[in-house]
Amino acid sequence: MQLEEVLELSAERVPNKTALVCGDRRLTYLEVDRECARLAHALMASGVERGDRVAVYLDNSVEAVLSIFGILRAGAVFLVVNPTTKSEKLTYILNNCRARTLITHAKKLDLIRSCWEQTPHLESVVIAGGVPPPGRHGTKQVRSLEDFLAEHGPSDRSLAKRCIDIDLAALIYTSGSTGHPKGVMMTHLNMVTAARSITQYLENTSDDIILSALPLSFDYGLYQVIMGFLTGATIVLEPSFAYPQLIVNRLLSEHVTGFPLVPTMAAMLLQMKGLGPGRFPRLRYITNTAAALPPAHIERLRAMFPNTAIYSMYGLTECKRVAYLPPNQLTIRPTSVGKAIPNTEVYIVDERGERVGPGTVGELVVRGTHVMKGYWERPEETDRVLKPGPLPGERVLYTGDLFRMDADGYLYFVGRKDDIIKTRGEKVSPREVEAALYSLPEVKEAVVVGVSDPILGQAIKAVVVLAQDATLTERDVMRHCAARLEDFMVPKSVEFRSSLPKTSTGKISRRDLDIPVEAS
């Protein structure tokens, strides 16, 4: 099954059902499918071949969704670039994958112009939301989306298949250790397999209405659309979570049943006034990934949404999703990220690559058809994470994340290999200290890092954002941690900030904290 068929099959089954809601626009499955076919015809007529890369540089919008599935229908490979990406990084990505066509918005035209001379492979720029200067600009053909479709795109929906399921469907760019982003290669089979597995444990049906304020450049956001189209559900696509009250209003007005979150969004919700229990009777489930929710936040969310199932999950771009915690296990295993998703095997290995038993910390390994093909044109980095598996000829994913597993197969995240703090000869997981910090009601956000210390090796430093109108001192925080953690785990210093740096996916960025090497 090719990825674009998740849309096509739903358009056959439920053509008149609402597929996509964005702002004041509402499109049925038939309308979405028809517009995607028009774009696919236009792309092919303009010279896009099977396997060519086409970049989408748009905010969450109807045009972004149509672009993704139109590219797939044309047999090409899509990549969604975060709409906040600046010129230098955009240039690198377009050159790295040798994108042939770029679909973007008129408001980004000035930024894109600065890339034109440095992107020799880019032949065509298609502009949504405005009228660009007509004709050719240097080596680039620039057209409005409307003109592009009118010139090349017939209304007929029939298109011969150009791909099979082991062909590439997408490149998903993720942070790299070299400072340059890496293109994660995902096939049609990878992505359909992942979507089927996730919708299985979430029990998604065509009755679901899923609201996503996550960027489509983030695989968590992208898969909300894929999963919705796979099951014939309705997707309510929001541009961002910048205005939480608007999201809350939308949850109510659209009778939303599914709501994906990241921890930053959860923290913002928990700070809002007037969200008492029972406000969202239609909300069937909430999911969380990107980083684990602190147990204190889980309890507060359960109180706020007493009739809503809350799924803690763990995944990474290289295989989309790894584990989920069934909601009935939240009380029993509040710090677990769950067990392997359907049709996936996970196990933990030591430094020699040998499997370890329950309770032993080691690197998590993932085995399944959703594991990426590799990093785009980075064979050495691919070989570092994709290694021989149990069967001859197969490769499995070494995640670089440290976990332990209990006797029932539930996973507990310990930290990234390079996140572990070594202090006083002991190993400390930042996540465990952060959980203690989050159990303080006055703490809105927190991150823990190790800083160089001549006596301890590394000292534990906490960086904290307080809730509005909250007052805490460094001594208050240390006293609280000392009551909950072993003495070597208590932060040696606490820094208060008004905000913490975030990645484009809303995760706190340790790399951008700008903390001096020496302990304060």
Protein backbone atom coordinates (compact mmCIF):
# COMPACT_ATOMS: atom_id res chain seq x y z
CA MET A 1 0.00 0.00 0.00
CA GLN A 2 1.33 3.42 -0.92
CA LEU A 3 0.96 6.26 1.57
CA GLU A 4 -1.29 8.38 -0.66
CA GLU A 5 -3.83 5.53 -0.67
CA VAL A 6 -4.83 6.34 2.92
CA LEU A 7 -6.54 9.38 1.38
CA GLU A 8 -7.75 7.73 -1.82
CA LEU A 9 -9.45 4.82 -0.06
CA SER A 10 -11.24 7.10 2.40
CA ALA A 11 -12.37 9.28 -0.53
CA GLU A 12 -13.96 6.18 -2.01
CA ARG A 13 -15.54 5.03 1.27
CA VAL A 14 -16.74 8.36 2.69
CA PRO A 15 -16.50 10.94 -0.12
CA ASN A 16 -18.82 13.50 1.47
CA LYS A 17 -17.46 13.28 5.01
CA THR A 18 -15.46 16.27 6.32
CA ALA A 19 -11.79 15.37 6.05
CA LEU A 20 -10.04 18.62 6.91
CA VAL A 21 -10.96 21.72 8.90
CA CYS A 22 -8.53 24.64 8.89
CA GLY A 23 -9.62 28.09 9.96
CA ASP A 24 -12.96 28.69 8.26
CA ARG A 25 -12.26 26.19 5.47
CA ARG A 26 -13.89 22.75 5.51
CA LEU A 27 -13.10 20.17 2.83
CA THR A 28 -14.65 16.75 2.26
CA TYR A 29 -12.58 13.68 1.41
CA LEU A 30 -13.67 13.95 -2.20
CA GLU A 31 -12.59 17.60 -2.36
CA VAL A 32 -9.21 16.90 -0.79
CA ASP A 33 -8.60 13.95 -3.10
CA ARG A 34 -9.59 15.95 -6.18
CA GLU A 35 -7.27 18.86 -5.33
CA CYS A 36 -4.37 16.51 -4.58
CA ALA A 37 -4.87 14.84 -7.97
CA ARG A 38 -4.82 18.25 -9.68
CA LEU A 39 -1.54 19.10 -8.01
CA ALA A 40 -0.07 15.70 -8.87
CA HIS A 41 -0.94 16.20 -12.56
CA ALA A 42 0.61 19.67 -12.45
CA LEU A 43 3.82 18.43 -10.83
CA MET A 44 4.23 15.65 -13.38
CA ALA A 45 3.47 17.96 -16.29
CA SER A 46 6.13 20.37 -15.00
CA GLY A 47 8.74 17.62 -15.13
CA VAL A 48 8.72 16.07 -11.64
CA GLU A 49 9.74 12.42 -11.93
CA ARG A 50 9.31 9.40 -9.72
CA GLY A 51 11.62 9.76 -6.72
CA ASP A 52 12.28 13.50 -7.16
CA ARG A 53 12.25 15.52 -3.96
CA VAL A 54 9.66 18.27 -3.55
CA ALA A 55 9.86 20.55 -0.52
CA VAL A 56 6.88 22.02 1.35
CA TYR A 57 7.72 25.23 3.22
CA LEU A 58 4.33 26.27 4.59
CA ASP A 59 2.59 26.88 7.89
CA ASN A 60 -0.07 24.38 8.92
CA SER A 61 -2.69 24.96 6.25
CA VAL A 62 -4.96 23.33 3.70
CA GLU A 63 -2.30 23.98 1.06
CA ALA A 64 0.33 22.14 3.10
CA VAL A 65 -1.83 19.02 3.36
CA LEU A 66 -2.75 19.14 -0.33
CA SER A 67 0.91 19.56 -1.22
CA ILE A 68 2.02 16.50 0.76
CA PHE A 69 -0.52 14.19 -0.83
CA GLY A 70 -0.22 15.75 -4.27
CA ILE A 71 3.53 15.10 -4.18
CA LEU A 72 2.90 11.48 -3.18
CA ARG A 73 0.34 11.03 -5.97
CA ALA A 74 2.99 12.23 -8.43
CA GLY A 75 5.36 9.50 -7.24
CA ALA A 76 7.77 12.02 -5.72
CA VAL A 77 9.27 12.28 -2.23
CA PHE A 78 8.02 15.05 0.05
CA LEU A 79 9.83 16.90 2.79
CA VAL A 80 8.13 19.40 5.07
CA VAL A 81 10.45 22.19 6.21
CA ASN A 82 9.57 23.89 9.47
CA PRO A 83 8.02 27.26 8.53
CA THR A 84 10.28 29.09 11.00
CA THR A 85 13.47 27.78 9.32
CA LYS A 86 15.82 30.57 8.30
CA SER A 87 17.64 31.06 5.02
CA GLU A 88 20.93 29.29 5.80
CA LYS A 89 19.31 26.10 7.07
CA LEU A 90 16.70 26.11 4.31
CA THR A 91 19.48 26.38 1.73
CA TYR A 92 21.30 23.45 3.31
CA ILE A 93 18.20 21.23 3.29
CA LEU A 94 17.24 22.07 -0.30
CA ASN A 95 20.77 21.35 -1.47
CA ASN A 96 21.22 18.26 0.67
CA CYS A 97 18.24 16.50 -0.90
CA ARG A 98 18.56 18.29 -4.26
CA ALA A 99 14.94 19.37 -4.18
CA ARG A 100 13.54 20.02 -7.64
CA THR A 101 10.45 22.00 -6.64
CA LEU A 102 9.54 24.11 -3.62
CA ILE A 103 5.97 24.88 -2.59
CA THR A 104 5.75 27.85 -0.24
CA HIS A 105 3.80 31.00 0.67
CA ALA A 106 4.06 34.50 -0.76
CA LYS A 107 5.12 35.93 2.62
CA LYS A 108 8.27 33.78 2.46
CA LEU A 109 9.29 34.93 -1.01
CA ASP A 110 11.90 37.45 0.17
CA LEU A 111 13.61 34.83 2.31
CA ILE A 112 13.54 32.29 -0.50
CA ARG A 113 15.09 34.75 -2.95
CA SER A 114 18.21 34.80 -0.77
CA CYS A 115 18.54 31.05 -1.41
CA TRP A 116 18.05 31.07 -5.19
CA GLU A 117 21.61 31.54 -6.30
CA GLN A 118 22.83 28.87 -3.87
CA THR A 119 20.32 26.13 -4.80
CA PRO A 120 21.25 25.02 -8.33
CA HIS A 121 19.02 21.93 -8.32
CA LEU A 122 15.88 23.89 -7.47
CA GLU A 123 14.05 24.53 -10.75
CA SER A 124 10.58 25.62 -9.75
CA VAL A 125 8.97 27.62 -6.93
CA VAL A 126 5.20 27.45 -6.49
CA ILE A 127 3.67 30.22 -4.38
CA ALA A 128 0.45 29.87 -2.40
CA GLY A 129 -1.40 32.78 -0.83
CA GLY A 130 -0.39 35.57 -3.17
CA VAL A 131 0.73 36.59 -6.63
CA PRO A 132 4.50 36.36 -7.15
CA PRO A 133 6.41 38.30 -9.79
CA PRO A 134 5.64 36.42 -13.01
CA GLY A 135 8.05 34.35 -15.07
CA ARG A 136 11.60 33.20 -14.53
CA HIS A 137 13.92 34.57 -11.86
CA GLY A 138 17.46 33.54 -12.57
CA THR A 139 17.32 29.78 -12.98
CA LYS A 140 13.97 29.45 -11.16
CA GLN A 141 10.50 29.33 -12.66
CA VAL A 142 8.18 31.09 -10.19
CA ARG A 143 4.41 30.69 -10.41
CA SER A 144 1.40 31.11 -8.18
CA LEU A 145 -0.27 27.91 -7.06
CA GLU A 146 -3.44 28.95 -8.88
CA ASP A 147 -1.59 29.50 -12.18
CA PHE A 148 0.39 26.30 -11.71
CA LEU A 149 -2.80 24.25 -11.31
CA ALA A 150 -4.61 26.05 -14.13
CA GLU A 151 -1.69 25.54 -16.49
CA HIS A 152 -1.00 21.89 -15.74
CA GLY A 153 -3.65 20.32 -13.54
CA PRO A 154 -6.72 18.63 -15.05
CA SER A 155 -9.59 17.85 -12.70
CA ASP A 156 -9.57 14.11 -13.35
CA ARG A 157 -8.57 12.05 -10.30
CA SER A 158 -7.20 9.02 -12.13
CA LEU A 159 -3.44 8.57 -11.98
CA ALA A 160 -1.35 5.50 -12.65
CA LYS A 161 0.73 4.39 -9.68
CA ARG A 162 4.39 5.28 -10.06
CA CYS A 163 5.75 3.73 -6.84
CA ILE A 164 5.69 0.55 -4.80
CA ASP A 165 5.62 0.42 -1.03
CA ILE A 166 9.40 0.09 -0.54
CA ASP A 167 10.03 3.34 -2.42
CA LEU A 168 10.80 6.50 -0.47
CA ALA A 169 7.78 8.55 0.55
CA ALA A 170 9.37 11.24 2.72
CA LEU A 171 12.52 12.79 4.06
CA ILE A 172 12.05 14.02 7.63
CA TYR A 173 14.87 16.27 8.74
CA THR A 174 16.04 15.98 12.32
CA SER A 175 18.88 17.46 14.35
CA GLY A 176 22.31 16.00 13.69
CA SER A 177 25.40 15.72 15.86
CA THR A 178 27.42 17.66 13.25
CA GLY A 179 25.15 20.71 13.52
CA HIS A 180 23.54 19.99 10.15
CA PRO A 181 20.12 18.31 10.03
CA LYS A 182 19.90 14.71 8.82
CA GLY A 183 17.26 13.51 6.38
CA VAL A 184 15.52 10.43 7.79
CA MET A 185 14.44 8.26 4.83
CA MET A 186 10.95 6.83 5.30
CA THR A 187 9.34 4.52 2.77
CA HIS A 188 5.65 4.17 2.05
CA LEU A 189 5.77 0.85 3.93
CA ASN A 190 7.48 2.46 6.95
CA MET A 191 4.86 5.17 7.26
CA VAL A 192 1.74 3.11 6.56
CA THR A 193 2.94 0.46 9.03
CA ALA A 194 3.51 3.07 11.75
CA ALA A 195 0.13 4.72 11.15
CA ARG A 196 -1.70 1.38 11.27
CA SER A 197 -0.01 0.40 14.51
CA ILE A 198 -0.76 3.70 16.26
CA THR A 199 -4.40 3.82 15.14
CA GLN A 200 -4.76 0.24 16.39
CA TYR A 201 -3.86 0.99 20.00
CA LEU A 202 -5.63 4.39 19.97
CA GLU A 203 -8.70 2.60 18.55
CA ASN A 204 -9.23 5.32 15.97
CA THR A 205 -12.36 5.18 13.83
CA SER A 206 -14.08 7.38 11.27
CA ASP A 207 -16.04 8.91 14.16
CA ASP A 208 -12.92 10.57 15.54
CA ILE A 209 -12.29 14.30 15.25
CA ILE A 210 -8.59 14.98 15.88
CA LEU A 211 -7.31 18.47 16.64
CA SER A 212 -3.62 19.04 15.93
CA ALA A 213 -1.71 22.24 16.65
CA LEU A 214 1.61 20.49 16.01
CA PRO A 215 3.67 21.55 12.97
CA LEU A 216 3.49 19.22 9.99
CA SER A 217 7.29 19.36 9.86
CA PHE A 218 7.26 17.45 13.17
CA ASP A 219 6.46 13.79 12.51
CA TYR A 220 4.04 13.77 15.46
CA GLY A 221 2.01 16.47 13.67
CA LEU A 222 2.39 14.90 10.23
CA TYR A 223 1.10 11.54 11.40
CA GLN A 224 -2.07 13.07 12.83
CA VAL A 225 -3.13 13.78 9.23
CA ILE A 226 -1.97 10.39 7.95
CA MET A 227 -3.75 8.53 10.75
CA GLY A 228 -6.90 10.61 10.32
CA PHE A 229 -7.04 9.93 6.58
CA LEU A 230 -6.27 6.22 7.14
CA THR A 231 -9.34 5.81 9.36
CA GLY A 232 -11.63 8.31 7.62
CA ALA A 233 -11.60 10.65 10.62
CA THR A 234 -11.79 14.45 10.58
CA ILE A 235 -8.62 16.49 11.11
CA VAL A 236 -8.90 19.95 12.67
CA LEU A 237 -5.60 21.60 11.80
CA GLU A 238 -4.49 24.61 13.82
CA PRO A 239 -1.51 26.84 12.95
CA SER A 240 0.04 26.61 16.42
CA PHE A 241 -0.62 26.49 20.17
CA ALA A 242 0.35 30.14 20.61
CA TYR A 243 -3.16 31.07 21.81
CA PRO A 244 -4.34 28.25 24.10
CA GLN A 245 -7.77 29.77 24.68
CA LEU A 246 -8.49 29.58 20.95
CA ILE A 247 -7.54 25.90 20.99
CA VAL A 248 -9.80 25.27 23.97
CA ASN A 249 -12.66 26.97 22.15
CA ARG A 250 -11.99 24.84 19.07
CA LEU A 251 -11.96 21.64 21.14
CA LEU A 252 -15.47 22.50 22.26
CA SER A 253 -16.94 23.85 19.01
CA GLU A 254 -15.66 20.95 16.87
CA HIS A 255 -16.54 18.25 19.44
CA VAL A 256 -12.97 16.99 19.31
CA THR A 257 -12.30 13.38 20.37
CA GLY A 258 -8.49 13.19 20.01
CA PHE A 259 -5.90 15.73 21.13
CA PRO A 260 -2.12 15.21 20.70
CA LEU A 261 0.11 17.20 23.08
CA VAL A 262 3.75 17.77 23.93
CA PRO A 263 4.79 18.61 27.52
CA THR A 264 5.04 22.35 26.86
CA MET A 265 1.44 22.40 25.66
CA ALA A 266 0.33 20.39 28.69
CA ALA A 267 2.06 22.87 31.01
CA MET A 268 0.25 25.77 29.32
CA LEU A 269 -3.12 24.03 29.64
CA LEU A 270 -2.53 23.35 33.32
CA GLN A 271 -1.92 27.08 33.92
CA MET A 272 -5.27 28.09 32.40
CA LYS A 273 -8.17 29.21 34.56
CA GLY A 274 -11.65 27.72 34.39
CA LEU A 275 -10.77 24.32 32.89
CA GLY A 276 -12.58 22.30 35.49
CA PRO A 277 -13.50 18.62 35.17
CA GLY A 278 -16.25 17.82 32.69
CA ARG A 279 -15.63 20.68 30.25
CA PHE A 280 -14.82 18.29 27.38
CA PRO A 281 -17.27 15.37 27.44
CA ARG A 282 -16.49 14.37 23.83
CA LEU A 283 -12.70 14.20 24.28
CA ARG A 284 -11.92 10.49 24.13
CA TYR A 285 -8.11 10.56 24.37
CA ILE A 286 -5.04 12.73 24.83
CA THR A 287 -1.61 11.61 23.66
CA ASN A 288 1.82 12.86 24.67
CA THR A 289 5.25 12.31 23.17
CA ALA A 290 8.47 14.28 22.38
CA ALA A 291 9.34 14.09 26.09
CA ALA A 292 7.77 12.26 29.02
CA LEU A 293 5.13 14.06 31.02
CA PRO A 294 6.18 14.50 34.65
CA PRO A 295 4.02 12.33 36.97
CA ALA A 296 2.71 15.45 38.68
CA HIS A 297 1.43 16.79 35.36
CA ILE A 298 -0.17 13.45 34.52
CA GLU A 299 -2.14 13.54 37.76
CA ARG A 300 -3.31 17.10 37.14
CA LEU A 301 -4.35 16.25 33.57
CA ARG A 302 -6.31 13.25 34.83
CA ALA A 303 -8.12 15.52 37.26
CA MET A 304 -8.83 18.07 34.52
CA PHE A 305 -9.97 15.40 32.02
CA PRO A 306 -11.50 12.66 34.20
CA ASN A 307 -13.28 10.89 31.32
CA THR A 308 -10.41 11.11 28.85
CA ALA A 309 -7.84 8.36 28.25
CA ILE A 310 -4.29 9.70 28.52
CA TYR A 311 -1.59 7.91 26.54
CA SER A 312 2.05 8.41 27.42
CA MET A 313 4.19 7.43 24.43
CA TYR A 314 7.78 7.28 23.31
CA GLY A 315 9.19 7.46 19.82
CA LEU A 316 11.87 8.93 17.63
CA THR A 317 11.92 10.17 14.06
CA GLU A 318 13.91 7.15 12.86
CA CYS A 319 10.93 4.83 13.42
CA LYS A 320 8.09 7.19 14.35
CA ARG A 321 6.74 5.36 17.42
CA VAL A 322 8.22 2.74 19.74
CA ALA A 323 6.05 2.38 22.84
CA TYR A 324 2.80 3.43 24.45
CA LEU A 325 1.42 3.10 27.96
CA PRO A 326 -2.17 1.85 28.10
CA PRO A 327 -4.19 4.36 30.13
CA ASN A 328 -5.13 1.71 32.68
CA GLN A 329 -1.44 1.42 33.57
CA LEU A 330 -0.93 5.10 34.43
CA THR A 331 -1.55 4.57 38.12
CA ILE A 332 0.40 1.32 38.26
CA ARG A 333 3.40 2.49 36.22
CA PRO A 334 3.29 6.32 36.20
CA THR A 335 6.94 6.71 35.14
CA SER A 336 6.83 4.17 32.29
CA VAL A 337 6.57 5.11 28.61
CA GLY A 338 4.87 1.79 28.00
CA LYS A 339 5.34 -1.36 26.00
CA ALA A 340 6.10 -1.96 22.34
CA ILE A 341 3.46 -0.77 19.87
CA PRO A 342 1.68 -3.48 17.83
CA ASN A 343 3.86 -5.32 15.29
CA THR A 344 7.09 -4.12 16.93
CA GLU A 345 9.76 -5.83 19.00
CA VAL A 346 11.96 -3.95 21.47
CA TYR A 347 14.82 -5.15 23.63
CA ILE A 348 17.71 -3.70 25.63
CA VAL A 349 21.38 -4.41 25.05
CA ASP A 350 24.60 -3.76 26.94
CA GLU A 351 27.74 -2.14 25.53
CA ARG A 352 28.66 -5.42 23.79
CA GLY A 353 25.30 -5.54 22.03
CA GLU A 354 24.06 -8.48 24.12
CA ARG A 355 20.51 -8.55 25.47
CA VAL A 356 20.06 -7.81 29.17
CA GLY A 357 17.35 -8.87 31.57
CA PRO A 358 14.66 -6.93 33.46
CA GLY A 359 15.87 -4.03 35.57
CA THR A 360 19.22 -3.62 33.82
CA VAL A 361 19.94 -0.29 32.12
CA GLY A 362 21.10 -0.47 28.51
CA GLU A 363 20.47 0.86 25.01
CA LEU A 364 17.01 0.34 23.53
CA VAL A 365 16.84 -1.51 20.20
CA VAL A 366 13.78 -1.42 17.92
CA ARG A 367 12.81 -4.05 15.36
CA GLY A 368 9.95 -3.58 12.89
CA THR A 369 8.90 -2.57 9.39
CA HIS A 370 8.51 1.05 10.52
CA VAL A 371 12.28 1.45 11.06
CA MET A 372 13.76 3.96 8.61
CA LYS A 373 15.81 3.01 5.55
CA GLY A 374 18.63 5.21 6.83
CA TYR A 375 19.89 8.79 6.76
CA TRP A 376 19.91 10.44 3.35
CA GLU A 377 23.40 10.07 1.85
CA ARG A 378 25.01 9.50 5.25
CA PRO A 379 26.07 5.84 5.13
CA GLU A 380 28.47 6.02 8.06
CA GLU A 381 25.91 7.59 10.39
CA THR A 382 23.33 5.08 9.14
CA ASP A 383 25.63 2.17 9.97
CA ARG A 384 26.10 3.52 13.50
CA VAL A 385 22.39 3.21 14.28
CA LEU A 386 21.17 0.45 11.92
CA LYS A 387 22.98 -2.74 12.88
CA PRO A 388 22.52 -6.47 12.18
CA GLY A 389 19.42 -7.92 13.82
CA PRO A 390 18.39 -11.42 14.92
CA LEU A 391 17.65 -12.64 11.38
CA PRO A 392 20.24 -12.87 8.58
CA GLY A 393 20.27 -9.75 6.41
CA GLU A 394 18.01 -7.59 8.58
CA ARG A 395 18.97 -4.40 10.38
CA VAL A 396 17.51 -3.04 13.60
CA LEU A 397 17.56 0.43 15.11
CA TYR A 398 19.89 1.24 17.98
CA THR A 399 18.15 4.28 19.46
CA GLY A 400 20.98 5.80 21.51
CA ASP A 401 18.53 6.02 24.41
CA LEU A 402 19.11 4.30 27.74
CA PHE A 403 16.20 2.34 29.19
CA ARG A 404 15.37 -0.37 31.63
CA MET A 405 12.53 -2.85 31.19
CA ASP A 406 10.46 -4.45 33.92
CA ALA A 407 9.47 -8.10 34.05
CA ASP A 408 6.21 -7.36 32.19
CA GLY A 409 7.95 -5.69 29.23
CA TYR A 410 7.24 -2.07 30.19
CA LEU A 411 9.94 0.46 29.41
CA TYR A 412 11.39 3.18 31.64
CA PHE A 413 13.41 5.95 30.03
CA VAL A 414 16.69 6.68 31.80
CA GLY A 415 18.22 9.23 29.43
CA ARG A 416 20.16 9.82 26.29
CA LYS A 417 23.61 8.28 26.34
CA ASP A 418 25.09 11.75 26.41
CA ASP A 419 22.55 13.19 28.90
CA ILE A 420 23.58 11.07 31.86
CA ILE A 421 25.26 13.15 34.57
CA LYS A 422 28.19 11.57 36.42
CA THR A 423 28.55 13.14 39.85
CA ARG A 424 30.34 11.82 42.94
CA GLY A 425 31.03 8.64 41.01
CA GLU A 426 27.27 8.06 40.59
CA LYS A 427 25.19 8.20 37.40
CA VAL A 428 22.19 10.53 37.56
CA SER A 429 19.35 10.70 35.06
CA PRO A 430 18.25 14.33 34.51
CA ARG A 431 14.70 13.08 34.04
CA GLU A 432 14.47 11.74 37.57
CA VAL A 433 15.54 15.08 39.07
CA GLU A 434 13.18 16.92 36.69
CA ALA A 435 10.28 14.76 37.90
CA ALA A 436 10.99 15.92 41.46
CA LEU A 437 11.07 19.54 40.33
CA TYR A 438 7.76 19.22 38.46
CA SER A 439 6.09 17.88 41.60
CA LEU A 440 6.38 21.44 42.95
CA PRO A 441 3.09 23.15 41.95
CA GLU A 442 4.94 26.45 41.45
CA VAL A 443 7.22 24.95 38.76
CA LYS A 444 5.98 25.42 35.20
CA GLU A 445 9.02 24.10 33.34
CA ALA A 446 12.35 22.62 34.40
CA VAL A 447 15.47 21.14 32.90
CA VAL A 448 18.49 19.58 34.60
CA VAL A 449 22.04 19.53 33.24
CA GLY A 450 25.52 18.64 34.41
CA VAL A 451 28.17 21.38 34.71
CA SER A 452 31.88 20.90 35.27
CA ASP A 453 32.92 20.74 38.92
CA PRO A 454 36.49 20.22 40.19
CA ILE A 455 35.35 18.11 43.15
CA LEU A 456 32.25 16.30 41.95
CA GLY A 457 33.27 15.79 38.30
CA GLN A 458 29.90 17.17 37.30
CA ALA A 459 27.52 19.15 39.45
CA ILE A 460 23.78 19.03 38.95
CA LYS A 461 22.23 22.33 37.90
CA ALA A 462 18.49 22.96 37.66
CA VAL A 463 17.06 25.65 35.41
CA VAL A 464 13.48 26.49 36.36
CA VAL A 465 10.58 28.55 35.02
CA LEU A 466 7.99 29.40 37.67
CA ALA A 467 4.26 29.55 37.17
CA GLN A 468 2.68 32.98 37.00
CA ASP A 469 2.77 34.85 40.35
CA ALA A 470 4.70 31.98 42.00
CA THR A 471 7.58 32.73 44.38
CA LEU A 472 10.27 30.19 45.19
CA THR A 473 13.85 30.54 46.34
CA GLU A 474 16.82 28.36 45.49
CA ARG A 475 16.69 27.02 49.04
CA ASP A 476 13.00 26.09 48.63
CA VAL A 477 13.81 24.05 45.53
CA MET A 478 16.79 22.30 47.09
CA ARG A 479 14.83 21.47 50.25
CA HIS A 480 12.04 20.01 48.13
CA CYS A 481 14.48 17.87 46.10
CA ALA A 482 16.35 16.74 49.21
CA ALA A 483 13.09 15.36 50.57
CA ARG A 484 12.52 13.28 47.43
CA LEU A 485 15.92 12.34 46.01
CA GLU A 486 19.11 10.68 47.14
CA ASP A 487 21.63 13.25 48.34
CA PHE A 488 23.88 12.98 45.27
CA MET A 489 20.89 13.77 43.03
CA VAL A 490 19.96 17.07 44.68
CA PRO A 491 20.88 20.07 42.48
CA LYS A 492 23.90 22.01 43.65
CA SER A 493 22.54 25.18 42.05
CA VAL A 494 19.20 26.48 40.78
CA GLU A 495 18.74 29.18 38.15
CA PHE A 496 15.38 30.88 37.60
CA ARG A 497 14.45 32.04 34.10
CA SER A 498 11.40 33.54 32.46
CA SER A 499 11.46 30.93 29.67
CA LEU A 500 13.45 28.00 28.33
CA PRO A 501 14.67 27.56 24.74
CA LYS A 502 12.58 25.16 22.67
CA THR A 503 13.11 23.12 19.55
CA SER A 504 10.69 23.56 16.64
CA THR A 505 8.67 20.65 18.06
CA GLY A 506 8.17 22.30 21.44
CA LYS A 507 10.72 20.22 23.33
CA ILE A 508 13.08 21.96 25.74
CA SER A 509 16.45 22.31 24.02
CA ARG A 510 19.33 21.48 26.38
CA ARG A 511 21.80 22.44 23.65
CA ASP A 512 20.52 26.03 23.56
CA LEU A 513 20.44 26.68 27.31
CA ASP A 514 23.68 28.69 27.13
CA ILE A 515 24.96 27.56 30.51
CA PRO A 516 28.64 28.23 31.38
CA VAL A 517 30.86 25.15 31.45
CA GLU A 518 31.96 25.81 35.03
CA ALA A 519 29.50 25.39 37.86
CA SER A 520 28.13 28.56 39.38
